[in-house]
C-alpha atoms as a PDB file:
ATOM      1  CA  MET A   1     104.253  65.138 127.440  1.00  0.00           C
ATOM      2  CA  TYR A   2     105.719  68.388 126.141  1.00  0.00           C
ATOM      3  CA  HIS A   3     104.199  69.934 123.005  1.00  0.00           C
ATOM      4  CA  TYR A   4     106.741  71.865 120.961  1.00  0.00           C
ATOM      5  CA  GLN A   5     105.709  75.291 119.718  1.00  0.00           C
ATOM      6  CA  THR A   6     105.443  75.129 115.943  1.00  0.00           C
ATOM      7  CA  GLN A   7     103.699  77.588 113.640  1.00  0.00           C
ATOM      8  CA  ASP A   8     103.596  76.104 110.159  1.00  0.00           C
ATOM      9  CA  ILE A   9     101.079  73.913 108.386  1.00  0.00           C
ATOM     10  CA  PHE A  10     103.243  70.943 109.339  1.00  0.00           C
ATOM     11  CA  ASP A  11     102.875  71.593 113.086  1.00  0.00           C
ATOM     12  CA  GLN A  12     101.884  68.069 114.015  1.00  0.00           C
ATOM     13  CA  GLU A  13     104.510  66.510 111.766  1.00  0.00           C
ATOM     14  CA  VAL A  14     107.334  68.662 113.158  1.00  0.00           C
ATOM     15  CA  ASP A  15     106.108  67.979 116.688  1.00  0.00           C
ATOM     16  CA  PHE A  16     106.033  64.211 116.040  1.00  0.00           C
ATOM     17  CA  ILE A  17     109.609  64.243 114.681  1.00  0.00           C
ATOM     18  CA  LEU A  18     110.843  66.265 117.663  1.00  0.00           C
ATOM     19  CA  ARG A  19     109.182  63.893 120.107  1.00  0.00           C
ATOM     20  CA  PHE A  20     110.698  60.938 118.241  1.00  0.00           C
ATOM     21  CA  LEU A  21     114.177  62.482 118.470  1.00  0.00           C
ATOM     22  CA  PHE A  22     114.133  63.811 122.036  1.00  0.00           C
ATOM     23  CA  GLU A  23     111.644  61.900 124.159  1.00  0.00           C
ATOM     24  CA  TYR A  24     112.190  58.486 125.644  1.00  0.00           C
ATOM     25  CA  GLU A  25     109.912  55.689 124.525  1.00  0.00           C
ATOM     26  CA  PRO A  26     110.297  51.974 125.093  1.00  0.00           C
ATOM     27  CA  PRO A  27     112.194  50.363 122.175  1.00  0.00           C
ATOM     28  CA  GLU A  28     109.081  48.597 120.859  1.00  0.00           C
ATOM     29  CA  GLN A  29     107.183  51.875 120.680  1.00  0.00           C
ATOM     30  CA  LYS A  30     110.182  53.656 119.133  1.00  0.00           C
ATOM     31  CA  ARG A  31     110.379  51.022 116.394  1.00  0.00           C
ATOM     32  CA  LYS A  32     106.685  51.483 115.649  1.00  0.00           C
ATOM     33  CA  SER A  33     107.116  55.271 115.471  1.00  0.00           C
ATOM     34  CA  PHE A  34     110.211  55.198 113.275  1.00  0.00           C
ATOM     35  CA  GLU A  35     108.569  54.641 109.884  1.00  0.00           C
ATOM     36  CA  LEU A  36     106.158  57.518 110.404  1.00  0.00           C
ATOM     37  CA  ALA A  37     108.842  59.882 111.742  1.00  0.00           C
ATOM     38  CA  HIS A  38     111.171  59.128 108.832  1.00  0.00           C
ATOM     39  CA  ALA A  39     108.380  59.504 106.253  1.00  0.00           C
ATOM     40  CA  LEU A  40     107.298  62.804 107.793  1.00  0.00           C
ATOM     41  CA  LEU A  41     110.869  64.110 107.674  1.00  0.00           C
ATOM     42  CA  GLN A  42     110.963  63.383 103.941  1.00  0.00           C
ATOM     43  CA  GLN A  43     107.599  65.100 103.328  1.00  0.00           C
ATOM     44  CA  LEU A  44     108.297  68.417 105.056  1.00  0.00           C
ATOM     45  CA  ASP A  45     108.543  71.509 102.894  1.00  0.00           C
ATOM     46  CA  LEU A  46     111.532  73.860 102.999  1.00  0.00           C
ATOM     47  CA  ALA A  47     110.083  76.224 105.608  1.00  0.00           C
ATOM     48  CA  SER A  48     109.099  73.334 107.860  1.00  0.00           C
ATOM     49  CA  HIS A  49     112.574  71.839 107.602  1.00  0.00           C
ATOM     50  CA  TYR A  50     114.096  75.124 108.762  1.00  0.00           C
ATOM     51  CA  LEU A  51     111.593  75.293 111.608  1.00  0.00           C
ATOM     52  CA  LEU A  52     112.541  71.742 112.590  1.00  0.00           C
ATOM     53  CA  PHE A  53     116.244  72.604 112.396  1.00  0.00           C
ATOM     54  CA  SER A  54     115.838  75.598 114.702  1.00  0.00           C
ATOM     55  CA  LEU A  55     113.825  73.589 117.223  1.00  0.00           C
ATOM     56  CA  VAL A  56     116.353  70.748 117.149  1.00  0.00           C
ATOM     57  CA  LYS A  57     119.216  73.204 117.650  1.00  0.00           C
ATOM     58  CA  GLU A  58     117.373  74.728 120.605  1.00  0.00           C
ATOM     59  CA  ARG A  59     117.318  71.345 122.374  1.00  0.00           C
ATOM     60  CA  LEU A  60     120.980  70.423 121.857  1.00  0.00           C
ATOM     61  CA  PRO A  61     123.797  70.849 124.371  1.00  0.00           C
ATOM     62  CA  ARG A  62     126.240  73.680 123.619  1.00  0.00           C
ATOM     63  CA  ARG A  63     128.914  71.760 121.673  1.00  0.00           C
ATOM     64  CA  ALA A  64     126.370  69.808 119.626  1.00  0.00           C
ATOM     65  CA  LYS A  65     124.489  73.052 119.008  1.00  0.00           C
ATOM     66  CA  LEU A  66     127.633  74.652 117.546  1.00  0.00           C
ATOM     67  CA  LEU A  67     128.319  71.659 115.309  1.00  0.00           C
ATOM     68  CA  PHE A  68     124.707  71.497 114.141  1.00  0.00           C
ATOM     69  CA  ALA A  69     124.635  75.244 113.434  1.00  0.00           C
ATOM     70  CA  ALA A  70     127.736  74.919 111.246  1.00  0.00           C
ATOM     71  CA  GLU A  71     125.984  72.480 108.907  1.00  0.00           C
ATOM     72  CA  ASP A  72     124.185  73.623 105.760  1.00  0.00           C
ATOM     73  CA  TYR A  73     120.615  72.595 104.903  1.00  0.00           C
ATOM     74  CA  SER A  74     121.466  69.133 103.580  1.00  0.00           C
ATOM     75  CA  GLY A  75     123.980  68.570 106.383  1.00  0.00           C
ATOM     76  CA  LYS A  76     121.359  69.307 109.031  1.00  0.00           C
ATOM     77  CA  LYS A  77     118.915  66.919 107.367  1.00  0.00           C
ATOM     78  CA  GLU A  78     121.628  64.232 107.203  1.00  0.00           C
ATOM     79  CA  VAL A  79     122.434  64.688 110.902  1.00  0.00           C
ATOM     80  CA  ILE A  80     118.782  64.151 111.812  1.00  0.00           C
ATOM     81  CA  GLU A  81     118.639  61.067 109.588  1.00  0.00           C
ATOM     82  CA  GLU A  82     121.838  59.745 111.203  1.00  0.00           C
ATOM     83  CA  VAL A  83     120.214  60.061 114.624  1.00  0.00           C
ATOM     84  CA  MET A  84     117.280  58.026 113.266  1.00  0.00           C
ATOM     85  CA  GLN A  85     119.614  55.504 111.584  1.00  0.00           C
ATOM     86  CA  PRO A  86     119.757  52.961 114.450  1.00  0.00           C
ATOM     87  CA  TRP A  87     115.965  52.575 114.268  1.00  0.00           C
ATOM     88  CA  LEU A  88     116.139  52.304 110.481  1.00  0.00           C
ATOM     89  CA  GLY A  89     118.494  49.331 110.760  1.00  0.00           C
ATOM     90  CA  ARG A  90     116.238  47.594 113.239  1.00  0.00           C
ATOM     91  CA  ASN A  91     113.156  48.072 111.106  1.00  0.00           C
ATOM     92  CA  ASN A  92     114.496  47.411 107.642  1.00  0.00           C
ATOM     93  CA  PRO A  93     117.033  44.640 106.955  1.00  0.00           C
ATOM     94  CA  LYS A  94     118.051  46.396 103.748  1.00  0.00           C
ATOM     95  CA  TYR A  95     119.709  49.135 105.865  1.00  0.00           C
ATOM     96  CA  ALA A  96     121.125  46.900 108.597  1.00  0.00           C
ATOM     97  CA  ALA A  97     124.857  47.099 109.136  1.00  0.00           C
END
């Protein structure tokens, strides 16, 4: 398993979110990880969010990278939450479509 290079006090939290977003896990495991990943995303401080954004951008294909880079702070956070959204719907009936 790859460990992402992070340098802030939220190293483990940023690493967990990146692994949730980019690494394959069986659906059952992904559902179990969702609540923690989403909670950690909400808890990060400003500097850690920007670190997360740069590491996410680094992993994206070229076109997605350009679109992600064009977003402002809240737009980047919304994009990450949208990627998590399918797991949110499966875990919490209140958010199901």
